[in-house]
Amino acid sequence: MSNSRRKGGRRRQGNKLKPADLWKPVPQLPDPEPISLPADPTMIVRSLGDPPLHGQGQQAEHEIARVLVRASMLAGALADVAGLLERPGDHPA
């Protein structure tokens, strides 16, 4: 029997991982703060510069902006339904 065969047949007996206690109690999270919608949801991505897609940069920029605006709208709708949307005149504490 070759050395490689003997080594492969051995089982590694080392530190065994302890199973995680998934059902342990966790501390209560604080109440979420009101969510305000951005004036321009594309601002951060635009600050990174033009997409590096030769010949398709304009179209890619347009599609990325569409996705970001739509995601911002959906996030605002979810925040509103949850009662977390900051209203004009509300002042976060």
N, C-alpha and C. Protein backbone atom coordinates (compact mmCIF):
# COMPACT_ATOMS: atom_id res chain seq x y z
N MET A 1 0.85 -1.18 0.00
CA MET A 1 0.00 0.00 0.00
C MET A 1 0.89 1.23 0.00
N SER A 2 0.56 2.21 -0.83
CA SER A 2 1.40 3.40 -0.95
C SER A 2 1.13 4.38 0.18
N ASN A 3 2.08 5.31 0.37
CA ASN A 3 1.93 6.32 1.42
C ASN A 3 0.73 7.21 1.19
N SER A 4 0.45 7.58 -0.06
CA SER A 4 -0.67 8.48 -0.34
C SER A 4 -1.99 7.82 0.01
N ARG A 5 -2.06 6.52 -0.17
CA ARG A 5 -3.30 5.81 0.13
C ARG A 5 -3.53 5.74 1.64
N ARG A 6 -2.45 5.53 2.39
CA ARG A 6 -2.57 5.45 3.84
C ARG A 6 -2.97 6.80 4.42
N LYS A 7 -2.38 7.87 3.91
CA LYS A 7 -2.70 9.21 4.41
C LYS A 7 -4.14 9.58 4.11
N GLY A 8 -4.62 9.22 2.94
CA GLY A 8 -5.98 9.56 2.56
C GLY A 8 -7.02 8.80 3.36
N GLY A 9 -6.66 7.62 3.87
CA GLY A 9 -7.61 6.81 4.60
C GLY A 9 -7.77 7.23 6.05
N ARG A 10 -6.85 7.99 6.55
CA ARG A 10 -6.93 8.43 7.95
C ARG A 10 -7.97 9.53 8.10
N ARG A 11 -8.64 9.48 9.20
CA ARG A 11 -9.60 10.55 9.49
C ARG A 11 -8.93 11.57 10.40
N ARG A 12 -9.19 12.80 10.11
CA ARG A 12 -8.63 13.88 10.92
C ARG A 12 -9.43 13.98 12.21
N GLN A 13 -8.75 13.83 13.31
CA GLN A 13 -9.41 13.97 14.60
C GLN A 13 -8.78 15.16 15.30
N GLY A 14 -9.46 16.26 15.23
CA GLY A 14 -8.95 17.47 15.85
C GLY A 14 -10.04 18.13 16.65
N ASN A 15 -10.01 19.43 16.68
CA ASN A 15 -11.03 20.17 17.39
C ASN A 15 -12.34 20.08 16.63
N LYS A 16 -13.34 19.53 17.27
CA LYS A 16 -14.66 19.46 16.65
C LYS A 16 -15.42 20.74 16.99
N LEU A 17 -16.15 21.24 16.02
CA LEU A 17 -16.93 22.45 16.25
C LEU A 17 -18.14 22.14 17.12
N LYS A 18 -18.42 23.04 18.05
CA LYS A 18 -19.60 22.89 18.87
C LYS A 18 -20.79 23.42 18.08
N PRO A 19 -21.94 22.77 18.17
CA PRO A 19 -23.10 23.28 17.46
C PRO A 19 -23.55 24.62 18.07
N ALA A 20 -24.01 25.51 17.22
CA ALA A 20 -24.46 26.83 17.67
C ALA A 20 -25.80 26.70 18.36
N ASP A 21 -25.98 27.50 19.39
CA ASP A 21 -27.26 27.53 20.10
C ASP A 21 -28.14 28.58 19.43
N LEU A 22 -28.92 28.13 18.44
CA LEU A 22 -29.73 29.06 17.66
C LEU A 22 -30.96 29.57 18.40
N TRP A 23 -31.37 28.91 19.44
CA TRP A 23 -32.62 29.28 20.10
C TRP A 23 -32.40 30.02 21.41
N LYS A 24 -31.20 30.49 21.64
CA LYS A 24 -30.96 31.22 22.88
C LYS A 24 -31.62 32.61 22.79
N PRO A 25 -32.03 33.17 23.91
CA PRO A 25 -32.66 34.51 23.88
C PRO A 25 -31.64 35.58 23.49
N VAL A 26 -32.10 36.56 22.76
CA VAL A 26 -31.25 37.67 22.34
C VAL A 26 -31.79 38.97 22.93
N PRO A 27 -30.94 39.97 23.13
CA PRO A 27 -31.43 41.23 23.70
C PRO A 27 -32.40 41.92 22.74
N GLN A 28 -33.34 42.65 23.31
CA GLN A 28 -34.33 43.39 22.53
C GLN A 28 -33.64 44.52 21.77
N LEU A 29 -33.95 44.65 20.49
CA LEU A 29 -33.39 45.72 19.67
C LEU A 29 -34.10 47.04 19.98
N PRO A 30 -33.40 48.18 19.84
CA PRO A 30 -34.06 49.46 20.05
C PRO A 30 -35.06 49.72 18.92
N ASP A 31 -36.01 50.59 19.18
CA ASP A 31 -36.98 50.97 18.15
C ASP A 31 -36.25 51.62 16.98
N PRO A 32 -36.66 51.32 15.75
CA PRO A 32 -35.99 51.91 14.59
C PRO A 32 -36.27 53.41 14.49
N GLU A 33 -35.30 54.11 13.95
CA GLU A 33 -35.46 55.55 13.76
C GLU A 33 -36.25 55.81 12.48
N PRO A 34 -36.90 56.95 12.36
CA PRO A 34 -37.63 57.27 11.12
C PRO A 34 -36.68 57.28 9.92
N ILE A 35 -37.20 56.87 8.79
CA ILE A 35 -36.42 56.78 7.55
C ILE A 35 -36.78 57.95 6.66
N SER A 36 -35.78 58.68 6.21
CA SER A 36 -36.03 59.78 5.27
C SER A 36 -35.56 59.35 3.89
N LEU A 37 -36.30 59.75 2.89
CA LEU A 37 -35.95 59.40 1.51
C LEU A 37 -34.90 60.35 0.98
N PRO A 38 -33.97 59.84 0.19
CA PRO A 38 -32.94 60.72 -0.38
C PRO A 38 -33.52 61.60 -1.47
N ALA A 39 -32.97 62.79 -1.62
CA ALA A 39 -33.39 63.68 -2.70
C ALA A 39 -32.97 63.11 -4.05
N ASP A 40 -31.79 62.48 -4.10
CA ASP A 40 -31.29 61.89 -5.34
C ASP A 40 -30.69 60.52 -5.02
N PRO A 41 -31.45 59.44 -5.23
CA PRO A 41 -30.94 58.11 -4.89
C PRO A 41 -29.77 57.65 -5.75
N THR A 42 -29.48 58.34 -6.84
CA THR A 42 -28.38 57.93 -7.72
C THR A 42 -27.06 58.63 -7.38
N MET A 43 -27.09 59.53 -6.43
CA MET A 43 -25.93 60.38 -6.17
C MET A 43 -24.67 59.60 -5.82
N ILE A 44 -24.77 58.61 -4.94
CA ILE A 44 -23.58 57.88 -4.51
C ILE A 44 -22.97 57.09 -5.67
N VAL A 45 -23.82 56.42 -6.43
CA VAL A 45 -23.30 55.63 -7.55
C VAL A 45 -22.71 56.55 -8.63
N ARG A 46 -23.35 57.68 -8.89
CA ARG A 46 -22.81 58.61 -9.88
C ARG A 46 -21.46 59.18 -9.44
N SER A 47 -21.26 59.29 -8.13
CA SER A 47 -19.99 59.82 -7.63
C SER A 47 -18.82 58.89 -7.93
N LEU A 48 -19.11 57.63 -8.25
CA LEU A 48 -18.07 56.67 -8.59
C LEU A 48 -17.54 56.86 -10.01
N GLY A 49 -18.26 57.63 -10.81
CA GLY A 49 -17.83 57.87 -12.19
C GLY A 49 -18.65 57.07 -13.18
N ASP A 50 -18.27 57.17 -14.43
CA ASP A 50 -18.99 56.47 -15.49
C ASP A 50 -18.72 54.97 -15.41
N PRO A 51 -19.74 54.17 -15.74
CA PRO A 51 -19.52 52.71 -15.76
C PRO A 51 -18.48 52.35 -16.81
N PRO A 52 -17.61 51.41 -16.53
CA PRO A 52 -16.54 51.05 -17.48
C PRO A 52 -17.04 50.09 -18.56
N LEU A 53 -18.06 50.49 -19.27
CA LEU A 53 -18.61 49.67 -20.35
C LEU A 53 -18.44 50.43 -21.65
N HIS A 54 -17.43 50.10 -22.39
CA HIS A 54 -17.11 50.82 -23.63
C HIS A 54 -18.25 50.69 -24.64
N GLY A 55 -18.75 51.81 -25.08
CA GLY A 55 -19.80 51.84 -26.08
C GLY A 55 -21.20 51.68 -25.51
N GLN A 56 -21.31 51.32 -24.23
CA GLN A 56 -22.63 51.13 -23.63
C GLN A 56 -22.78 51.91 -22.33
N GLY A 57 -21.84 52.79 -22.06
CA GLY A 57 -21.85 53.54 -20.80
C GLY A 57 -23.10 54.35 -20.58
N GLN A 58 -23.58 55.02 -21.62
CA GLN A 58 -24.78 55.87 -21.50
C GLN A 58 -26.00 55.02 -21.15
N GLN A 59 -26.19 53.91 -21.85
CA GLN A 59 -27.32 53.03 -21.58
C GLN A 59 -27.20 52.40 -20.19
N ALA A 60 -26.01 51.97 -19.83
CA ALA A 60 -25.80 51.37 -18.51
C ALA A 60 -26.09 52.39 -17.40
N GLU A 61 -25.64 53.60 -17.58
CA GLU A 61 -25.89 54.67 -16.61
C GLU A 61 -27.39 54.89 -16.42
N HIS A 62 -28.11 54.89 -17.53
CA HIS A 62 -29.56 55.08 -17.49
C HIS A 62 -30.25 53.94 -16.75
N GLU A 63 -29.86 52.71 -17.05
CA GLU A 63 -30.49 51.54 -16.42
C GLU A 63 -30.16 51.47 -14.93
N ILE A 64 -28.93 51.79 -14.56
CA ILE A 64 -28.56 51.80 -13.15
C ILE A 64 -29.37 52.84 -12.40
N ALA A 65 -29.55 54.00 -12.99
CA ALA A 65 -30.36 55.05 -12.37
C ALA A 65 -31.80 54.60 -12.20
N ARG A 66 -32.34 53.91 -13.20
CA ARG A 66 -33.72 53.41 -13.10
C ARG A 66 -33.87 52.45 -11.93
N VAL A 67 -32.92 51.54 -11.79
CA VAL A 67 -32.98 50.56 -10.71
C VAL A 67 -32.88 51.25 -9.35
N LEU A 68 -31.98 52.20 -9.23
CA LEU A 68 -31.80 52.90 -7.95
C LEU A 68 -33.03 53.72 -7.57
N VAL A 69 -33.63 54.39 -8.54
CA VAL A 69 -34.82 55.18 -8.25
C VAL A 69 -35.97 54.27 -7.84
N ARG A 70 -36.12 53.16 -8.55
CA ARG A 70 -37.19 52.21 -8.22
C ARG A 70 -36.97 51.60 -6.84
N ALA A 71 -35.74 51.23 -6.52
CA ALA A 71 -35.44 50.67 -5.20
C ALA A 71 -35.72 51.68 -4.10
N SER A 72 -35.41 52.94 -4.36
CA SER A 72 -35.69 53.99 -3.39
C SER A 72 -37.19 54.16 -3.18
N MET A 73 -37.94 54.08 -4.27
CA MET A 73 -39.40 54.19 -4.16
C MET A 73 -39.98 53.03 -3.35
N LEU A 74 -39.51 51.82 -3.62
CA LEU A 74 -40.00 50.66 -2.89
C LEU A 74 -39.61 50.71 -1.42
N ALA A 75 -38.40 51.16 -1.13
CA ALA A 75 -37.97 51.29 0.26
C ALA A 75 -38.83 52.32 0.99
N GLY A 76 -39.15 53.42 0.30
CA GLY A 76 -40.02 54.43 0.90
C GLY A 76 -41.41 53.90 1.16
N ALA A 77 -41.93 53.11 0.22
CA ALA A 77 -43.26 52.52 0.40
C ALA A 77 -43.27 51.55 1.58
N LEU A 78 -42.24 50.73 1.69
CA LEU A 78 -42.16 49.80 2.82
C LEU A 78 -42.04 50.54 4.15
N ALA A 79 -41.24 51.60 4.17
CA ALA A 79 -41.10 52.40 5.39
C ALA A 79 -42.43 53.05 5.77
N ASP A 80 -43.17 53.49 4.76
CA ASP A 80 -44.47 54.13 5.02
C ASP A 80 -45.45 53.12 5.60
N VAL A 81 -45.51 51.93 5.01
CA VAL A 81 -46.41 50.89 5.50
C VAL A 81 -46.07 50.50 6.93
N ALA A 82 -44.78 50.48 7.25
CA ALA A 82 -44.34 50.11 8.59
C ALA A 82 -44.46 51.27 9.59
N GLY A 83 -44.86 52.46 9.09
CA GLY A 83 -44.98 53.61 9.97
C GLY A 83 -43.65 54.23 10.33
N LEU A 84 -42.63 54.01 9.50
CA LEU A 84 -41.30 54.51 9.79
C LEU A 84 -40.86 55.65 8.89
N LEU A 85 -41.70 56.06 7.96
CA LEU A 85 -41.32 57.11 7.02
C LEU A 85 -41.37 58.46 7.71
N GLU A 86 -40.26 59.18 7.61
CA GLU A 86 -40.19 60.50 8.22
C GLU A 86 -41.04 61.46 7.41
N ARG A 87 -41.92 62.14 8.06
CA ARG A 87 -42.83 63.11 7.41
C ARG A 87 -42.21 64.50 7.47
N PRO A 88 -42.54 65.37 6.52
CA PRO A 88 -42.06 66.75 6.62
C PRO A 88 -42.54 67.36 7.93
N GLY A 89 -41.65 67.98 8.63
CA GLY A 89 -41.99 68.57 9.92
C GLY A 89 -41.61 67.67 11.09
N ASP A 90 -41.42 66.38 10.81
CA ASP A 90 -40.94 65.48 11.87
C ASP A 90 -39.48 65.79 12.11
N HIS A 91 -39.10 65.74 13.35
CA HIS A 91 -37.70 65.97 13.70
C HIS A 91 -37.19 64.73 14.40
N PRO A 92 -36.20 64.05 13.81
CA PRO A 92 -35.67 62.86 14.48
C PRO A 92 -35.06 63.22 15.83
N ALA A 93 -35.28 62.35 16.79
CA ALA A 93 -34.76 62.60 18.14
C ALA A 93 -33.32 62.26 18.27
